[in-house]
Amino acid sequence: MTAAPDGRVPEEGLSGAAFPWDEAMAVGFGVLCLPHGAFWAMTPRELAAAVRARLPPAQPAPQVADLADLMRRFPDRG
């Protein structure tokens, strides 16, 4: 992100949505324990990749047959 000529950094990106700075800093400093300079030198894409590396592998979504089997084995009781 580039600063305006007066040094201000715009709060909104190209999409018009504000970047979640509080959450990004909480993860960068609190979870990843990044030093100040390393965090501020990262791009949002690099931060996202670092966060994904710390997450457990994604589980595949259940298939329709799996859901049907669970519904048969554990019916709702009304």
N, C-alpha and C. Protein backbone atom coordinates (compact mmCIF):
# COMPACT_ATOMS: atom_id res chain seq x y z
N MET A 1 0.85 -1.16 0.00
CA MET A 1 0.00 0.00 0.00
C MET A 1 0.90 1.23 0.00
N THR A 2 0.56 2.19 -0.77
CA THR A 2 1.37 3.40 -0.84
C THR A 2 0.69 4.53 -0.09
N ALA A 3 1.48 5.39 0.45
CA ALA A 3 0.97 6.52 1.19
C ALA A 3 0.65 7.66 0.24
N ALA A 4 -0.26 8.51 0.67
CA ALA A 4 -0.58 9.71 -0.08
C ALA A 4 0.60 10.67 0.02
N PRO A 5 0.64 11.70 -0.84
CA PRO A 5 1.76 12.64 -0.79
C PRO A 5 1.98 13.27 0.58
N ASP A 6 0.92 13.40 1.37
CA ASP A 6 1.08 14.00 2.71
C ASP A 6 1.47 12.96 3.76
N GLY A 7 1.70 11.70 3.34
CA GLY A 7 2.14 10.67 4.26
C GLY A 7 1.03 9.81 4.83
N ARG A 8 -0.24 10.20 4.60
CA ARG A 8 -1.35 9.40 5.12
C ARG A 8 -1.51 8.12 4.31
N VAL A 9 -1.91 7.06 4.98
CA VAL A 9 -2.22 5.80 4.30
C VAL A 9 -3.73 5.70 4.21
N PRO A 10 -4.27 5.47 3.02
CA PRO A 10 -5.73 5.39 2.91
C PRO A 10 -6.27 4.20 3.68
N GLU A 11 -7.42 4.38 4.32
CA GLU A 11 -8.05 3.31 5.09
C GLU A 11 -8.74 2.30 4.19
N GLU A 12 -9.13 2.69 3.00
CA GLU A 12 -9.85 1.80 2.11
C GLU A 12 -8.98 1.38 0.95
N GLY A 13 -9.12 0.12 0.54
CA GLY A 13 -8.40 -0.40 -0.61
C GLY A 13 -9.16 -0.14 -1.89
N LEU A 14 -8.72 -0.77 -2.95
CA LEU A 14 -9.36 -0.59 -4.25
C LEU A 14 -10.81 -1.06 -4.25
N SER A 15 -11.13 -2.07 -3.43
CA SER A 15 -12.49 -2.59 -3.40
C SER A 15 -13.43 -1.69 -2.63
N GLY A 16 -12.89 -0.72 -1.91
CA GLY A 16 -13.72 0.17 -1.10
C GLY A 16 -13.90 -0.33 0.32
N ALA A 17 -13.49 -1.57 0.60
CA ALA A 17 -13.62 -2.12 1.94
C ALA A 17 -12.36 -1.79 2.74
N ALA A 18 -12.54 -1.44 3.99
CA ALA A 18 -11.41 -1.13 4.85
C ALA A 18 -10.63 -2.41 5.15
N PHE A 19 -9.31 -2.32 5.16
CA PHE A 19 -8.48 -3.47 5.49
C PHE A 19 -8.58 -3.74 6.98
N PRO A 20 -8.70 -5.00 7.39
CA PRO A 20 -8.86 -5.32 8.82
C PRO A 20 -7.53 -5.24 9.58
N TRP A 21 -7.04 -4.02 9.80
CA TRP A 21 -5.74 -3.83 10.42
C TRP A 21 -5.66 -4.43 11.81
N ASP A 22 -6.70 -4.27 12.62
CA ASP A 22 -6.65 -4.79 13.99
C ASP A 22 -6.45 -6.31 13.99
N GLU A 23 -7.19 -7.01 13.13
CA GLU A 23 -7.06 -8.46 13.05
C GLU A 23 -5.71 -8.86 12.49
N ALA A 24 -5.24 -8.16 11.47
CA ALA A 24 -3.95 -8.47 10.87
C ALA A 24 -2.82 -8.29 11.88
N MET A 25 -2.87 -7.20 12.63
CA MET A 25 -1.83 -6.97 13.64
C MET A 25 -1.91 -8.00 14.77
N ALA A 26 -3.13 -8.36 15.18
CA ALA A 26 -3.28 -9.35 16.24
C ALA A 26 -2.67 -10.68 15.83
N VAL A 27 -2.90 -11.09 14.59
CA VAL A 27 -2.33 -12.35 14.12
C VAL A 27 -0.83 -12.22 13.90
N GLY A 28 -0.42 -11.15 13.24
CA GLY A 28 0.99 -10.97 12.93
C GLY A 28 1.87 -10.88 14.16
N PHE A 29 1.45 -10.07 15.13
CA PHE A 29 2.25 -9.89 16.33
C PHE A 29 1.95 -10.95 17.40
N GLY A 30 0.66 -11.23 17.61
CA GLY A 30 0.27 -12.12 18.70
C GLY A 30 0.40 -13.60 18.40
N VAL A 31 0.05 -14.02 17.19
CA VAL A 31 0.07 -15.44 16.85
C VAL A 31 1.38 -15.83 16.18
N LEU A 32 1.76 -15.07 15.16
CA LEU A 32 2.98 -15.40 14.43
C LEU A 32 4.25 -14.87 15.11
N CYS A 33 4.08 -13.97 16.07
CA CYS A 33 5.21 -13.37 16.80
C CYS A 33 6.22 -12.71 15.86
N LEU A 34 5.71 -12.02 14.86
CA LEU A 34 6.58 -11.35 13.90
C LEU A 34 7.18 -10.09 14.53
N PRO A 35 8.44 -9.81 14.24
CA PRO A 35 8.98 -8.52 14.68
C PRO A 35 8.31 -7.38 13.90
N HIS A 36 8.30 -6.23 14.50
CA HIS A 36 7.64 -5.06 13.92
C HIS A 36 8.02 -4.83 12.46
N GLY A 37 9.32 -4.79 12.18
CA GLY A 37 9.78 -4.52 10.81
C GLY A 37 9.34 -5.58 9.82
N ALA A 38 9.36 -6.84 10.24
CA ALA A 38 8.96 -7.93 9.34
C ALA A 38 7.47 -7.84 9.01
N PHE A 39 6.66 -7.54 10.03
CA PHE A 39 5.21 -7.42 9.79
C PHE A 39 4.91 -6.31 8.80
N TRP A 40 5.47 -5.13 9.02
CA TRP A 40 5.15 -3.99 8.18
C TRP A 40 5.77 -4.10 6.78
N ALA A 41 6.75 -4.98 6.61
CA ALA A 41 7.34 -5.18 5.29
C ALA A 41 6.55 -6.20 4.46
N MET A 42 5.66 -6.95 5.11
CA MET A 42 4.89 -7.98 4.41
C MET A 42 3.74 -7.38 3.60
N THR A 43 3.41 -8.05 2.53
CA THR A 43 2.18 -7.72 1.80
C THR A 43 1.04 -8.50 2.45
N PRO A 44 -0.20 -8.07 2.25
CA PRO A 44 -1.32 -8.86 2.77
C PRO A 44 -1.31 -10.31 2.27
N ARG A 45 -0.90 -10.52 1.04
CA ARG A 45 -0.82 -11.88 0.50
C ARG A 45 0.22 -12.71 1.25
N GLU A 46 1.35 -12.12 1.59
CA GLU A 46 2.37 -12.83 2.36
C GLU A 46 1.88 -13.15 3.77
N LEU A 47 1.18 -12.22 4.38
CA LEU A 47 0.62 -12.46 5.71
C LEU A 47 -0.39 -13.60 5.65
N ALA A 48 -1.24 -13.60 4.64
CA ALA A 48 -2.22 -14.67 4.49
C ALA A 48 -1.55 -16.02 4.33
N ALA A 49 -0.46 -16.08 3.56
CA ALA A 49 0.26 -17.34 3.38
C ALA A 49 0.87 -17.81 4.69
N ALA A 50 1.41 -16.89 5.48
CA ALA A 50 1.99 -17.25 6.77
C ALA A 50 0.91 -17.78 7.72
N VAL A 51 -0.26 -17.19 7.68
CA VAL A 51 -1.37 -17.65 8.52
C VAL A 51 -1.82 -19.04 8.09
N ARG A 52 -1.97 -19.25 6.77
CA ARG A 52 -2.39 -20.57 6.27
C ARG A 52 -1.41 -21.66 6.68
N ALA A 53 -0.13 -21.33 6.75
CA ALA A 53 0.88 -22.33 7.14
C ALA A 53 0.69 -22.77 8.58
N ARG A 54 0.07 -21.94 9.41
CA ARG A 54 -0.15 -22.28 10.82
C ARG A 54 -1.47 -22.99 11.07
N LEU A 55 -2.35 -23.02 10.07
CA LEU A 55 -3.67 -23.64 10.24
C LEU A 55 -3.61 -25.14 9.97
N PRO A 56 -4.49 -25.92 10.60
CA PRO A 56 -4.54 -27.35 10.29
C PRO A 56 -5.03 -27.54 8.86
N PRO A 57 -4.69 -28.66 8.23
CA PRO A 57 -5.16 -28.90 6.86
C PRO A 57 -6.69 -28.89 6.81
N ALA A 58 -7.20 -28.36 5.75
CA ALA A 58 -8.66 -28.28 5.58
C ALA A 58 -9.23 -29.68 5.38
N GLN A 59 -10.37 -29.92 5.99
CA GLN A 59 -11.06 -31.19 5.83
C GLN A 59 -12.01 -31.07 4.65
N PRO A 60 -12.16 -32.14 3.87
CA PRO A 60 -13.10 -32.08 2.76
C PRO A 60 -14.54 -31.97 3.27
N ALA A 61 -15.38 -31.33 2.50
CA ALA A 61 -16.79 -31.20 2.87
C ALA A 61 -17.45 -32.57 2.84
N PRO A 62 -18.40 -32.81 3.75
CA PRO A 62 -19.09 -34.11 3.73
C PRO A 62 -19.89 -34.27 2.44
N GLN A 63 -19.95 -35.48 1.99
CA GLN A 63 -20.72 -35.80 0.79
C GLN A 63 -22.18 -36.03 1.17
N VAL A 64 -23.05 -35.97 0.20
CA VAL A 64 -24.49 -36.16 0.43
C VAL A 64 -24.74 -37.52 1.08
N ALA A 65 -24.05 -38.54 0.62
CA ALA A 65 -24.25 -39.89 1.19
C ALA A 65 -23.84 -39.92 2.66
N ASP A 66 -22.77 -39.19 3.01
CA ASP A 66 -22.34 -39.13 4.41
C ASP A 66 -23.40 -38.49 5.28
N LEU A 67 -23.97 -37.39 4.81
CA LEU A 67 -25.02 -36.71 5.55
C LEU A 67 -26.24 -37.60 5.70
N ALA A 68 -26.63 -38.28 4.62
CA ALA A 68 -27.79 -39.18 4.68
C ALA A 68 -27.55 -40.29 5.70
N ASP A 69 -26.35 -40.84 5.73
CA ASP A 69 -26.01 -41.89 6.69
C ASP A 69 -26.11 -41.36 8.12
N LEU A 70 -25.58 -40.18 8.36
CA LEU A 70 -25.68 -39.59 9.70
C LEU A 70 -27.13 -39.33 10.10
N MET A 71 -27.93 -38.86 9.16
CA MET A 71 -29.34 -38.60 9.46
C MET A 71 -30.08 -39.90 9.77
N ARG A 72 -29.72 -40.97 9.10
CA ARG A 72 -30.34 -42.26 9.36
C ARG A 72 -29.91 -42.78 10.74
N ARG A 73 -28.64 -42.63 11.06
CA ARG A 73 -28.13 -43.14 12.32
C ARG A 73 -28.53 -42.29 13.53
N PHE A 74 -28.70 -41.01 13.31
CA PHE A 74 -29.02 -40.09 14.41
C PHE A 74 -30.22 -39.22 14.02
N PRO A 75 -31.41 -39.81 13.98
CA PRO A 75 -32.58 -39.03 13.55
C PRO A 75 -32.96 -37.96 14.58
N ASP A 76 -33.54 -36.89 14.07
CA ASP A 76 -34.06 -35.85 14.96
C ASP A 76 -35.22 -36.43 15.75
N ARG A 77 -35.29 -36.04 16.99
CA ARG A 77 -36.40 -36.52 17.80
C ARG A 77 -37.20 -35.29 18.23
N GLY A 78 -38.39 -35.18 17.71
CA GLY A 78 -39.19 -34.00 17.96
C GLY A 78 -40.23 -34.23 18.90
